[in-house]
Amino acid sequence: MNFIGFWVKVLVILLLATLYTWADNHSLSGSDKLFKEATDFVKAKQYEKAIRIFEELANASEHDAQYNLAILLKAGKGKTKKYTDALYWAFLSKLGEIPEADELVDDLIALLPEKTVEDVRQEVKSYLESSIEKGSEDSILHLGKYFLNVVIEKEYASAYKWFTIGAALGIKKAIKVRDEVEKELTPEEIVEEQEKAEIFFQNFLD
């Protein structure tokens, strides 16, 4: 290979690498780019900038951002330390199936009075109910999980209602969980919750 041919080959390789990098960057969604930007701010210890982005994403129901926001609030980085807010976001990230959220929730519950924890639970419930009223189907599944994974004692009947609605809407995983929860109910409870689910389902569609 002559000298000119060698450099032509090098330029082609560099051009292809640039194109692949461009494609990778443009394949990221807007929220992915923001999340990466926030994590870069954390690495740079610019916590105030990171927390602003995580708050934006958390309010848009990005569960990994909710978890990271809870971590920063628990540590008091980027904002003053506030365990109640940290627990709120930790609960939501737990409902969003972020595995690490389970331990974080337990740690935060241990730091707060029982009544305060219950207040946060009710705040999470109110948020999910409000989201459902606005048409959020994802929150239907999360509210079902709330009655299994957030309350002190599992409320199978209430969970069954929401999983039944979710299954009717074709929400992923709702059918499996609905059928599992049904095994925990009496025939009377099943009939009652199915009737409640039917009424809500029709209203939701309307």
N, C-alpha and C. Protein backbone atom coordinates (compact mmCIF):
# COMPACT_ATOMS: atom_id res chain seq x y z
N MET A 1 0.86 -1.20 0.00
CA MET A 1 0.00 0.00 0.00
C MET A 1 0.89 1.25 0.00
N ASN A 2 0.66 2.20 -0.96
CA ASN A 2 1.47 3.41 -1.01
C ASN A 2 1.06 4.38 0.09
N PHE A 3 1.83 5.45 0.24
CA PHE A 3 1.62 6.41 1.32
C PHE A 3 0.24 7.06 1.23
N ILE A 4 -0.17 7.46 0.00
CA ILE A 4 -1.47 8.11 -0.18
C ILE A 4 -2.61 7.15 0.14
N GLY A 5 -2.46 5.91 -0.31
CA GLY A 5 -3.49 4.90 -0.04
C GLY A 5 -3.66 4.65 1.45
N PHE A 6 -2.55 4.66 2.19
CA PHE A 6 -2.60 4.46 3.64
C PHE A 6 -3.43 5.54 4.32
N TRP A 7 -3.18 6.82 3.94
CA TRP A 7 -3.90 7.92 4.60
C TRP A 7 -5.36 7.98 4.19
N VAL A 8 -5.64 7.55 2.97
CA VAL A 8 -7.05 7.46 2.56
C VAL A 8 -7.78 6.47 3.44
N LYS A 9 -7.14 5.33 3.71
CA LYS A 9 -7.76 4.31 4.56
C LYS A 9 -7.96 4.84 5.97
N VAL A 10 -6.99 5.56 6.49
CA VAL A 10 -7.10 6.13 7.83
C VAL A 10 -8.26 7.12 7.91
N LEU A 11 -8.38 7.96 6.89
CA LEU A 11 -9.46 8.95 6.87
C LEU A 11 -10.83 8.28 6.80
N VAL A 12 -10.93 7.19 6.06
CA VAL A 12 -12.20 6.45 5.98
C VAL A 12 -12.58 5.88 7.34
N ILE A 13 -11.60 5.32 8.05
CA ILE A 13 -11.85 4.75 9.38
C ILE A 13 -12.30 5.84 10.35
N LEU A 14 -11.63 6.99 10.30
CA LEU A 14 -12.00 8.09 11.19
C LEU A 14 -13.40 8.60 10.87
N LEU A 15 -13.74 8.66 9.58
CA LEU A 15 -15.06 9.13 9.18
C LEU A 15 -16.14 8.18 9.68
N LEU A 16 -15.89 6.87 9.54
CA LEU A 16 -16.85 5.88 10.02
C LEU A 16 -17.03 5.95 11.53
N ALA A 17 -15.92 6.14 12.25
CA ALA A 17 -16.00 6.26 13.71
C ALA A 17 -16.82 7.46 14.11
N THR A 18 -16.65 8.58 13.38
CA THR A 18 -17.42 9.79 13.67
C THR A 18 -18.90 9.57 13.42
N LEU A 19 -19.21 8.87 12.32
CA LEU A 19 -20.60 8.60 11.99
C LEU A 19 -21.25 7.70 13.04
N TYR A 20 -20.52 6.67 13.50
CA TYR A 20 -21.07 5.77 14.52
C TYR A 20 -21.32 6.52 15.83
N THR A 21 -20.40 7.41 16.18
CA THR A 21 -20.57 8.21 17.41
C THR A 21 -21.79 9.11 17.28
N TRP A 22 -21.95 9.73 16.10
CA TRP A 22 -23.12 10.60 15.86
C TRP A 22 -24.40 9.80 15.98
N ALA A 23 -24.39 8.58 15.41
CA ALA A 23 -25.59 7.74 15.44
C ALA A 23 -25.93 7.34 16.87
N ASP A 24 -24.89 7.00 17.65
CA ASP A 24 -25.12 6.60 19.05
C ASP A 24 -25.73 7.76 19.82
N ASN A 25 -25.19 8.97 19.64
CA ASN A 25 -25.68 10.13 20.36
C ASN A 25 -27.11 10.47 19.97
N HIS A 26 -27.44 10.29 18.69
CA HIS A 26 -28.76 10.66 18.22
C HIS A 26 -29.79 9.57 18.46
N SER A 27 -29.31 8.38 18.85
CA SER A 27 -30.26 7.31 19.19
C SER A 27 -30.78 7.45 20.60
N LEU A 28 -30.11 8.29 21.41
CA LEU A 28 -30.54 8.51 22.77
C LEU A 28 -31.78 9.40 22.78
N SER A 29 -32.71 9.08 23.66
CA SER A 29 -33.89 9.92 23.81
C SER A 29 -33.50 11.17 24.58
N GLY A 30 -34.41 12.15 24.58
CA GLY A 30 -34.15 13.38 25.32
C GLY A 30 -33.93 13.12 26.80
N SER A 31 -34.74 12.21 27.37
CA SER A 31 -34.60 11.92 28.80
C SER A 31 -33.29 11.19 29.08
N ASP A 32 -32.86 10.33 28.16
CA ASP A 32 -31.57 9.63 28.34
C ASP A 32 -30.41 10.62 28.36
N LYS A 33 -30.48 11.59 27.47
CA LYS A 33 -29.42 12.60 27.41
C LYS A 33 -29.39 13.43 28.70
N LEU A 34 -30.57 13.79 29.18
CA LEU A 34 -30.64 14.55 30.43
C LEU A 34 -30.11 13.72 31.60
N PHE A 35 -30.48 12.44 31.62
CA PHE A 35 -30.03 11.58 32.71
C PHE A 35 -28.50 11.48 32.70
N LYS A 36 -27.92 11.30 31.53
CA LYS A 36 -26.46 11.22 31.42
C LYS A 36 -25.83 12.53 31.87
N GLU A 37 -26.45 13.64 31.47
CA GLU A 37 -25.93 14.95 31.88
C GLU A 37 -25.95 15.09 33.40
N ALA A 38 -27.04 14.61 34.02
CA ALA A 38 -27.15 14.69 35.48
C ALA A 38 -26.10 13.82 36.16
N THR A 39 -25.91 12.61 35.66
CA THR A 39 -24.91 11.72 36.26
C THR A 39 -23.50 12.30 36.09
N ASP A 40 -23.26 12.98 34.97
CA ASP A 40 -21.96 13.63 34.78
C ASP A 40 -21.77 14.75 35.80
N PHE A 41 -22.84 15.47 36.10
CA PHE A 41 -22.77 16.52 37.12
C PHE A 41 -22.46 15.91 38.50
N VAL A 42 -23.05 14.75 38.78
CA VAL A 42 -22.78 14.08 40.06
C VAL A 42 -21.30 13.71 40.15
N LYS A 43 -20.78 13.14 39.06
CA LYS A 43 -19.36 12.75 39.05
C LYS A 43 -18.46 13.96 39.25
N ALA A 44 -18.91 15.11 38.73
CA ALA A 44 -18.14 16.34 38.88
C ALA A 44 -18.44 17.05 40.21
N LYS A 45 -19.29 16.44 41.03
CA LYS A 45 -19.70 16.98 42.32
C LYS A 45 -20.45 18.31 42.19
N GLN A 46 -21.10 18.49 41.06
CA GLN A 46 -21.96 19.66 40.87
C GLN A 46 -23.40 19.22 41.16
N TYR A 47 -23.65 18.97 42.43
CA TYR A 47 -24.89 18.31 42.85
C TYR A 47 -26.13 19.17 42.62
N GLU A 48 -25.99 20.48 42.76
CA GLU A 48 -27.16 21.35 42.57
C GLU A 48 -27.68 21.25 41.14
N LYS A 49 -26.76 21.23 40.17
CA LYS A 49 -27.16 21.09 38.77
C LYS A 49 -27.76 19.71 38.52
N ALA A 50 -27.16 18.69 39.12
CA ALA A 50 -27.65 17.31 38.94
C ALA A 50 -29.05 17.16 39.50
N ILE A 51 -29.28 17.72 40.66
CA ILE A 51 -30.57 17.51 41.32
C ILE A 51 -31.70 18.21 40.56
N ARG A 52 -31.40 19.33 39.92
CA ARG A 52 -32.42 20.01 39.13
C ARG A 52 -32.89 19.13 37.96
N ILE A 53 -31.94 18.46 37.32
CA ILE A 53 -32.29 17.57 36.20
C ILE A 53 -33.02 16.34 36.71
N PHE A 54 -32.53 15.76 37.79
CA PHE A 54 -33.20 14.58 38.34
C PHE A 54 -34.63 14.90 38.77
N GLU A 55 -34.85 16.10 39.31
CA GLU A 55 -36.20 16.51 39.70
C GLU A 55 -37.12 16.57 38.48
N GLU A 56 -36.61 17.15 37.41
CA GLU A 56 -37.40 17.24 36.17
C GLU A 56 -37.78 15.85 35.67
N LEU A 57 -36.82 14.94 35.65
CA LEU A 57 -37.07 13.59 35.16
C LEU A 57 -37.94 12.79 36.13
N ALA A 58 -37.73 13.00 37.42
CA ALA A 58 -38.53 12.29 38.43
C ALA A 58 -40.00 12.66 38.32
N ASN A 59 -40.26 13.94 38.10
CA ASN A 59 -41.65 14.39 37.94
C ASN A 59 -42.28 13.89 36.65
N ALA A 60 -41.44 13.45 35.71
CA ALA A 60 -41.92 12.86 34.46
C ALA A 60 -41.98 11.34 34.57
N SER A 61 -41.92 10.83 35.81
CA SER A 61 -42.04 9.39 36.09
C SER A 61 -40.89 8.56 35.55
N GLU A 62 -39.68 9.15 35.51
CA GLU A 62 -38.48 8.38 35.17
C GLU A 62 -37.97 7.76 36.48
N HIS A 63 -38.12 6.44 36.61
CA HIS A 63 -37.90 5.81 37.91
C HIS A 63 -36.44 5.77 38.35
N ASP A 64 -35.52 5.64 37.39
CA ASP A 64 -34.11 5.68 37.78
C ASP A 64 -33.72 7.07 38.29
N ALA A 65 -34.33 8.10 37.71
CA ALA A 65 -34.09 9.46 38.19
C ALA A 65 -34.70 9.67 39.57
N GLN A 66 -35.87 9.06 39.82
CA GLN A 66 -36.50 9.14 41.14
C GLN A 66 -35.58 8.53 42.20
N TYR A 67 -34.98 7.41 41.85
CA TYR A 67 -34.06 6.76 42.80
C TYR A 67 -32.85 7.64 43.08
N ASN A 68 -32.23 8.18 42.03
CA ASN A 68 -31.05 9.02 42.22
C ASN A 68 -31.38 10.29 42.99
N LEU A 69 -32.56 10.83 42.72
CA LEU A 69 -33.01 12.02 43.46
C LEU A 69 -33.15 11.69 44.94
N ALA A 70 -33.72 10.53 45.23
CA ALA A 70 -33.87 10.11 46.63
C ALA A 70 -32.51 9.97 47.31
N ILE A 71 -31.55 9.42 46.59
CA ILE A 71 -30.19 9.26 47.14
C ILE A 71 -29.58 10.61 47.49
N LEU A 72 -29.71 11.58 46.58
CA LEU A 72 -29.14 12.90 46.82
C LEU A 72 -29.84 13.62 47.96
N LEU A 73 -31.17 13.48 48.05
CA LEU A 73 -31.92 14.12 49.14
C LEU A 73 -31.58 13.48 50.48
N LYS A 74 -31.37 12.19 50.48
CA LYS A 74 -30.98 11.50 51.73
C LYS A 74 -29.61 11.97 52.20
N ALA A 75 -28.71 12.22 51.23
CA ALA A 75 -27.35 12.64 51.57
C ALA A 75 -27.25 14.14 51.80
N GLY A 76 -28.27 14.89 51.36
CA GLY A 76 -28.23 16.35 51.50
C GLY A 76 -27.27 16.99 50.54
N LYS A 77 -27.18 16.45 49.33
CA LYS A 77 -26.29 16.99 48.30
C LYS A 77 -27.12 17.67 47.21
N GLY A 78 -26.84 18.96 46.97
CA GLY A 78 -27.59 19.71 45.98
C GLY A 78 -28.83 20.37 46.55
N LYS A 79 -29.29 19.88 47.68
CA LYS A 79 -30.41 20.44 48.43
C LYS A 79 -30.20 20.07 49.89
N THR A 80 -30.91 20.77 50.77
CA THR A 80 -30.80 20.41 52.17
C THR A 80 -31.36 19.00 52.39
N LYS A 81 -30.75 18.29 53.29
CA LYS A 81 -31.16 16.91 53.59
C LYS A 81 -32.61 16.88 54.05
N LYS A 82 -33.42 16.00 53.40
CA LYS A 82 -34.82 15.89 53.78
C LYS A 82 -35.28 14.45 53.56
N TYR A 83 -35.41 13.71 54.66
CA TYR A 83 -35.72 12.29 54.57
C TYR A 83 -37.13 12.03 54.04
N THR A 84 -38.07 12.93 54.34
CA THR A 84 -39.45 12.69 53.88
C THR A 84 -39.53 12.74 52.35
N ASP A 85 -38.90 13.74 51.73
CA ASP A 85 -38.89 13.83 50.28
C ASP A 85 -38.13 12.65 49.67
N ALA A 86 -37.03 12.29 50.32
CA ALA A 86 -36.24 11.15 49.83
C ALA A 86 -37.08 9.88 49.84
N LEU A 87 -37.86 9.68 50.90
CA LEU A 87 -38.69 8.48 51.00
C LEU A 87 -39.79 8.50 49.94
N TYR A 88 -40.37 9.65 49.70
CA TYR A 88 -41.41 9.78 48.67
C TYR A 88 -40.90 9.29 47.32
N TRP A 89 -39.74 9.78 46.92
CA TRP A 89 -39.18 9.38 45.63
C TRP A 89 -38.68 7.95 45.66
N ALA A 90 -38.20 7.51 46.81
CA ALA A 90 -37.74 6.12 46.93
C ALA A 90 -38.91 5.16 46.77
N PHE A 91 -40.06 5.49 47.37
CA PHE A 91 -41.27 4.67 47.19
C PHE A 91 -41.64 4.56 45.71
N LEU A 92 -41.65 5.69 45.02
CA LEU A 92 -42.04 5.70 43.62
C LEU A 92 -41.05 4.92 42.76
N SER A 93 -39.76 5.02 43.07
CA SER A 93 -38.78 4.24 42.32
C SER A 93 -38.91 2.75 42.62
N LYS A 94 -39.31 2.42 43.84
CA LYS A 94 -39.58 1.03 44.20
C LYS A 94 -40.76 0.48 43.39
N LEU A 95 -41.80 1.28 43.26
CA LEU A 95 -42.95 0.87 42.45
C LEU A 95 -42.58 0.77 40.98
N GLY A 96 -41.56 1.51 40.57
CA GLY A 96 -41.05 1.45 39.20
C GLY A 96 -40.04 0.34 39.00
N GLU A 97 -39.90 -0.52 40.01
CA GLU A 97 -39.06 -1.73 39.93
C GLU A 97 -37.58 -1.42 39.78
N ILE A 98 -37.11 -0.40 40.49
CA ILE A 98 -35.68 -0.17 40.62
C ILE A 98 -35.20 -1.03 41.79
N PRO A 99 -34.41 -2.08 41.55
CA PRO A 99 -34.07 -3.06 42.60
C PRO A 99 -33.45 -2.44 43.85
N GLU A 100 -32.55 -1.46 43.65
CA GLU A 100 -31.86 -0.86 44.79
C GLU A 100 -32.78 -0.05 45.69
N ALA A 101 -33.97 0.26 45.21
CA ALA A 101 -34.89 1.10 45.98
C ALA A 101 -35.39 0.41 47.24
N ASP A 102 -35.46 -0.92 47.23
CA ASP A 102 -35.96 -1.64 48.40
C ASP A 102 -35.12 -1.32 49.64
N GLU A 103 -33.82 -1.41 49.50
CA GLU A 103 -32.92 -1.14 50.63
C GLU A 103 -32.98 0.32 51.03
N LEU A 104 -33.06 1.20 50.04
CA LEU A 104 -33.13 2.63 50.34
C LEU A 104 -34.39 2.97 51.12
N VAL A 105 -35.52 2.39 50.72
CA VAL A 105 -36.78 2.60 51.44
C VAL A 105 -36.65 2.15 52.89
N ASP A 106 -36.09 0.96 53.09
CA ASP A 106 -35.92 0.43 54.45
C ASP A 106 -35.04 1.35 55.31
N ASP A 107 -33.96 1.85 54.71
CA ASP A 107 -33.05 2.74 55.43
C ASP A 107 -33.76 4.03 55.85
N LEU A 108 -34.56 4.58 54.95
CA LEU A 108 -35.24 5.85 55.23
C LEU A 108 -36.35 5.66 56.25
N ILE A 109 -37.08 4.55 56.17
CA ILE A 109 -38.14 4.28 57.14
C ILE A 109 -37.56 4.21 58.55
N ALA A 110 -36.36 3.65 58.66
CA ALA A 110 -35.71 3.53 59.98
C ALA A 110 -35.33 4.89 60.55
N LEU A 111 -35.25 5.91 59.71
CA LEU A 111 -34.83 7.24 60.15
C LEU A 111 -36.00 8.15 60.52
N LEU A 112 -37.23 7.70 60.24
CA LEU A 112 -38.39 8.57 60.40
C LEU A 112 -39.40 8.01 61.40
N PRO A 113 -40.17 8.90 62.05
CA PRO A 113 -41.24 8.43 62.93
C PRO A 113 -42.30 7.68 62.11
N GLU A 114 -42.97 6.74 62.74
CA GLU A 114 -43.95 5.92 62.04
C GLU A 114 -45.06 6.76 61.41
N LYS A 115 -45.53 7.77 62.15
CA LYS A 115 -46.59 8.62 61.61
C LYS A 115 -46.13 9.38 60.36
N THR A 116 -44.91 9.84 60.37
CA THR A 116 -44.37 10.55 59.22
C THR A 116 -44.29 9.63 58.01
N VAL A 117 -43.85 8.40 58.24
CA VAL A 117 -43.78 7.42 57.15
C VAL A 117 -45.17 7.19 56.55
N GLU A 118 -46.17 7.09 57.43
CA GLU A 118 -47.54 6.88 56.95
C GLU A 118 -48.03 8.09 56.14
N ASP A 119 -47.65 9.28 56.56
CA ASP A 119 -48.01 10.48 55.81
C ASP A 119 -47.41 10.44 54.39
N VAL A 120 -46.17 9.98 54.29
CA VAL A 120 -45.52 9.87 52.98
C VAL A 120 -46.22 8.81 52.13
N ARG A 121 -46.61 7.71 52.77
CA ARG A 121 -47.35 6.67 52.04
C ARG A 121 -48.63 7.25 51.43
N GLN A 122 -49.34 8.04 52.22
CA GLN A 122 -50.58 8.63 51.74
C GLN A 122 -50.32 9.63 50.62
N GLU A 123 -49.19 10.33 50.70
CA GLU A 123 -48.82 11.27 49.65
C GLU A 123 -48.56 10.54 48.33
N VAL A 124 -47.90 9.40 48.43
CA VAL A 124 -47.63 8.58 47.24
C VAL A 124 -48.95 8.08 46.64
N LYS A 125 -49.84 7.62 47.50
CA LYS A 125 -51.14 7.15 47.04
C LYS A 125 -51.91 8.25 46.33
N SER A 126 -51.93 9.44 46.93
CA SER A 126 -52.64 10.57 46.33
C SER A 126 -52.06 10.93 44.97
N TYR A 127 -50.74 10.87 44.86
CA TYR A 127 -50.09 11.17 43.59
C TYR A 127 -50.52 10.16 42.52
N LEU A 128 -50.55 8.89 42.86
CA LEU A 128 -50.92 7.86 41.90
C LEU A 128 -52.39 8.00 41.48
N GLU A 129 -53.25 8.28 42.46
CA GLU A 129 -54.67 8.46 42.15
C GLU A 129 -54.88 9.66 41.24
N SER A 130 -54.15 10.74 41.50
CA SER A 130 -54.25 11.94 40.67
C SER A 130 -53.76 11.65 39.26
N SER A 131 -52.68 10.89 39.14
CA SER A 131 -52.13 10.54 37.83
C SER A 131 -53.12 9.70 37.03
N ILE A 132 -53.81 8.79 37.73
CA ILE A 132 -54.81 7.95 37.06
C ILE A 132 -55.96 8.80 36.56
N GLU A 133 -56.39 9.75 37.37
CA GLU A 133 -57.48 10.65 36.96
C GLU A 133 -57.11 11.44 35.70
N LYS A 134 -55.81 11.68 35.52
CA LYS A 134 -55.34 12.41 34.35
C LYS A 134 -55.11 11.47 33.15
N GLY A 135 -55.36 10.17 33.36
CA GLY A 135 -55.27 9.22 32.25
C GLY A 135 -54.03 8.36 32.20
N SER A 136 -53.21 8.37 33.26
CA SER A 136 -51.99 7.58 33.27
C SER A 136 -52.28 6.10 33.50
N GLU A 137 -52.03 5.27 32.49
CA GLU A 137 -52.24 3.83 32.63
C GLU A 137 -51.14 3.20 33.49
N ASP A 138 -49.91 3.71 33.39
CA ASP A 138 -48.81 3.17 34.19
C ASP A 138 -49.11 3.26 35.68
N SER A 139 -49.76 4.35 36.09
CA SER A 139 -50.06 4.55 37.50
C SER A 139 -51.09 3.54 38.02
N ILE A 140 -51.88 2.97 37.12
CA ILE A 140 -52.84 1.93 37.52
C ILE A 140 -52.10 0.71 38.04
N LEU A 141 -51.08 0.29 37.30
CA LEU A 141 -50.26 -0.85 37.75
C LEU A 141 -49.51 -0.50 39.03
N HIS A 142 -49.00 0.71 39.11
CA HIS A 142 -48.24 1.13 40.29
C HIS A 142 -49.13 1.20 41.53
N LEU A 143 -50.39 1.62 41.35
CA LEU A 143 -51.28 1.68 42.50
C LEU A 143 -51.60 0.28 43.01
N GLY A 144 -51.73 -0.67 42.08
CA GLY A 144 -51.89 -2.06 42.50
C GLY A 144 -50.69 -2.53 43.31
N LYS A 145 -49.50 -2.20 42.85
CA LYS A 145 -48.28 -2.58 43.57
C LYS A 145 -48.19 -1.86 44.92
N TYR A 146 -48.71 -0.64 44.95
CA TYR A 146 -48.71 0.14 46.19
C TYR A 146 -49.37 -0.65 47.32
N PHE A 147 -50.49 -1.30 47.03
CA PHE A 147 -51.23 -2.04 48.07
C PHE A 147 -50.55 -3.36 48.44
N LEU A 148 -49.49 -3.70 47.72
CA LEU A 148 -48.72 -4.90 48.07
C LEU A 148 -47.36 -4.56 48.66
N ASN A 149 -46.74 -3.48 48.17
CA ASN A 149 -45.33 -3.24 48.48
C ASN A 149 -45.03 -1.97 49.26
N VAL A 150 -46.04 -1.11 49.43
CA VAL A 150 -45.79 0.15 50.15
C VAL A 150 -46.52 0.19 51.48
N VAL A 151 -47.75 -0.30 51.52
CA VAL A 151 -48.52 -0.30 52.77
C VAL A 151 -47.88 -1.25 53.79
N ILE A 152 -48.21 -1.06 55.07
CA ILE A 152 -47.62 -1.89 56.13
C ILE A 152 -48.04 -3.35 55.98
N GLU A 153 -49.34 -3.58 55.81
CA GLU A 153 -49.85 -4.93 55.60
C GLU A 153 -50.49 -4.99 54.22
N LYS A 154 -50.17 -6.03 53.48
CA LYS A 154 -50.67 -6.16 52.11
C LYS A 154 -52.20 -6.11 52.07
N GLU A 155 -52.72 -5.31 51.14
CA GLU A 155 -54.15 -5.19 50.95
C GLU A 155 -54.49 -5.83 49.60
N TYR A 156 -54.66 -7.15 49.64
CA TYR A 156 -54.82 -7.91 48.41
C TYR A 156 -56.07 -7.51 47.62
N ALA A 157 -57.16 -7.24 48.31
CA ALA A 157 -58.40 -6.90 47.62
C ALA A 157 -58.25 -5.62 46.80
N SER A 158 -57.68 -4.59 47.42
CA SER A 158 -57.49 -3.32 46.71
C SER A 158 -56.51 -3.49 45.55
N ALA A 159 -55.45 -4.25 45.77
CA ALA A 159 -54.48 -4.50 44.70
C ALA A 159 -55.14 -5.23 43.54
N TYR A 160 -55.99 -6.20 43.86
CA TYR A 160 -56.68 -7.00 42.84
C TYR A 160 -57.53 -6.12 41.93
N LYS A 161 -58.20 -5.16 42.51
CA LYS A 161 -59.03 -4.25 41.71
C LYS A 161 -58.19 -3.55 40.64
N TRP A 162 -57.06 -3.00 41.03
CA TRP A 162 -56.24 -2.23 40.09
C TRP A 162 -55.54 -3.12 39.07
N PHE A 163 -55.13 -4.31 39.49
CA PHE A 163 -54.53 -5.23 38.52
C PHE A 163 -55.57 -5.73 37.52
N THR A 164 -56.81 -5.88 37.98
CA THR A 164 -57.90 -6.29 37.09
C THR A 164 -58.16 -5.22 36.03
N ILE A 165 -58.15 -3.97 36.47
CA ILE A 165 -58.32 -2.86 35.53
C ILE A 165 -57.13 -2.81 34.56
N GLY A 166 -55.93 -2.97 35.10
CA GLY A 166 -54.73 -2.94 34.26
C GLY A 166 -54.74 -4.04 33.22
N ALA A 167 -55.17 -5.23 33.61
CA ALA A 167 -55.23 -6.35 32.68
C ALA A 167 -56.22 -6.06 31.55
N ALA A 168 -57.36 -5.48 31.91
CA ALA A 168 -58.38 -5.13 30.91
C ALA A 168 -57.86 -4.11 29.92
N LEU A 169 -56.94 -3.24 30.37
CA LEU A 169 -56.36 -2.22 29.51
C LEU A 169 -55.17 -2.74 28.71
N GLY A 170 -54.79 -4.00 28.99
CA GLY A 170 -53.67 -4.60 28.27
C GLY A 170 -52.31 -4.18 28.79
N ILE A 171 -52.25 -3.75 30.04
CA ILE A 171 -50.98 -3.32 30.62
C ILE A 171 -50.09 -4.53 30.90
N LYS A 172 -48.86 -4.43 30.48
CA LYS A 172 -47.89 -5.51 30.63
C LYS A 172 -47.76 -5.92 32.10
N LYS A 173 -47.71 -7.17 32.37
CA LYS A 173 -47.53 -7.79 33.70
C LYS A 173 -48.79 -7.80 34.56
N ALA A 174 -49.80 -7.01 34.19
CA ALA A 174 -50.98 -6.91 35.05
C ALA A 174 -51.73 -8.24 35.16
N ILE A 175 -51.82 -8.98 34.07
CA ILE A 175 -52.58 -10.24 34.08
C ILE A 175 -51.95 -11.24 35.05
N LYS A 176 -50.64 -11.40 34.96
CA LYS A 176 -49.94 -12.36 35.81
C LYS A 176 -50.12 -12.02 37.29
N VAL A 177 -49.92 -10.74 37.63
CA VAL A 177 -50.01 -10.34 39.04
C VAL A 177 -51.46 -10.43 39.53
N ARG A 178 -52.40 -10.06 38.66
CA ARG A 178 -53.83 -10.17 39.03
C ARG A 178 -54.17 -11.60 39.41
N ASP A 179 -53.73 -12.57 38.61
CA ASP A 179 -54.06 -13.97 38.86
C ASP A 179 -53.37 -14.50 40.12
N GLU A 180 -52.17 -13.98 40.41
CA GLU A 180 -51.47 -14.38 41.63
C GLU A 180 -52.19 -13.84 42.87
N VAL A 181 -52.61 -12.58 42.79
CA VAL A 181 -53.30 -11.94 43.92
C VAL A 181 -54.66 -12.60 44.15
N GLU A 182 -55.31 -13.01 43.09
CA GLU A 182 -56.64 -13.62 43.22
C GLU A 182 -56.63 -14.83 44.14
N LYS A 183 -55.51 -15.54 44.19
CA LYS A 183 -55.39 -16.74 45.04
C LYS A 183 -55.45 -16.39 46.52
N GLU A 184 -55.22 -15.12 46.85
CA GLU A 184 -55.21 -14.69 48.25
C GLU A 184 -56.59 -14.21 48.71
N LEU A 185 -57.58 -14.20 47.82
CA LEU A 185 -58.88 -13.63 48.14
C LEU A 185 -59.96 -14.70 48.30
N THR A 186 -60.98 -14.33 49.06
CA THR A 186 -62.15 -15.20 49.18
C THR A 186 -63.03 -15.00 47.94
N PRO A 187 -63.92 -15.96 47.63
CA PRO A 187 -64.83 -15.77 46.49
C PRO A 187 -65.65 -14.48 46.60
N GLU A 188 -66.05 -14.14 47.82
CA GLU A 188 -66.84 -12.92 48.03
C GLU A 188 -66.02 -11.68 47.69
N GLU A 189 -64.75 -11.67 48.10
CA GLU A 189 -63.88 -10.52 47.81
C GLU A 189 -63.64 -10.39 46.31
N ILE A 190 -63.48 -11.51 45.63
CA ILE A 190 -63.24 -11.49 44.19
C ILE A 190 -64.42 -10.85 43.46
N VAL A 191 -65.62 -11.28 43.81
CA VAL A 191 -66.82 -10.74 43.16
C VAL A 191 -66.93 -9.23 43.42
N GLU A 192 -66.72 -8.83 44.67
CA GLU A 192 -66.84 -7.41 45.03
C GLU A 192 -65.84 -6.55 44.27
N GLU A 193 -64.58 -6.98 44.22
CA GLU A 193 -63.54 -6.19 43.58
C GLU A 193 -63.69 -6.19 42.06
N GLN A 194 -64.19 -7.30 41.50
CA GLN A 194 -64.43 -7.33 40.06
C GLN A 194 -65.51 -6.33 39.67
N GLU A 195 -66.52 -6.20 40.50
CA GLU A 195 -67.59 -5.23 40.22
C GLU A 195 -67.05 -3.80 40.30
N LYS A 196 -66.20 -3.53 41.31
CA LYS A 196 -65.59 -2.21 41.43
C LYS A 196 -64.70 -1.92 40.22
N ALA A 197 -63.96 -2.94 39.79
CA ALA A 197 -63.06 -2.77 38.65
C ALA A 197 -63.84 -2.47 37.38
N GLU A 198 -64.96 -3.15 37.20
CA GLU A 198 -65.78 -2.94 36.01
C GLU A 198 -66.30 -1.51 35.93
N ILE A 199 -66.77 -1.01 37.07
CA ILE A 199 -67.30 0.36 37.11
C ILE A 199 -66.21 1.37 36.77
N PHE A 200 -65.04 1.19 37.41
CA PHE A 200 -63.95 2.13 37.16
C PHE A 200 -63.48 2.04 35.71
N PHE A 201 -63.38 0.82 35.20
CA PHE A 201 -62.89 0.60 33.84
C PHE A 201 -63.76 1.36 32.82
N GLN A 202 -65.07 1.25 32.98
CA GLN A 202 -65.98 1.93 32.05
C GLN A 202 -65.84 3.44 32.15
N ASN A 203 -65.72 3.95 33.38
CA ASN A 203 -65.55 5.39 33.57
C ASN A 203 -64.22 5.87 32.99
N PHE A 204 -63.17 5.05 33.16
CA PHE A 204 -61.86 5.40 32.66
C PHE A 204 -61.86 5.51 31.15
N LEU A 205 -62.53 4.56 30.49
CA LEU A 205 -62.62 4.58 29.04
C LEU A 205 -63.42 5.79 28.55
N ASP A 206 -64.48 6.11 29.30
CA ASP A 206 -65.32 7.26 28.91
C ASP A 206 -64.56 8.57 29.07
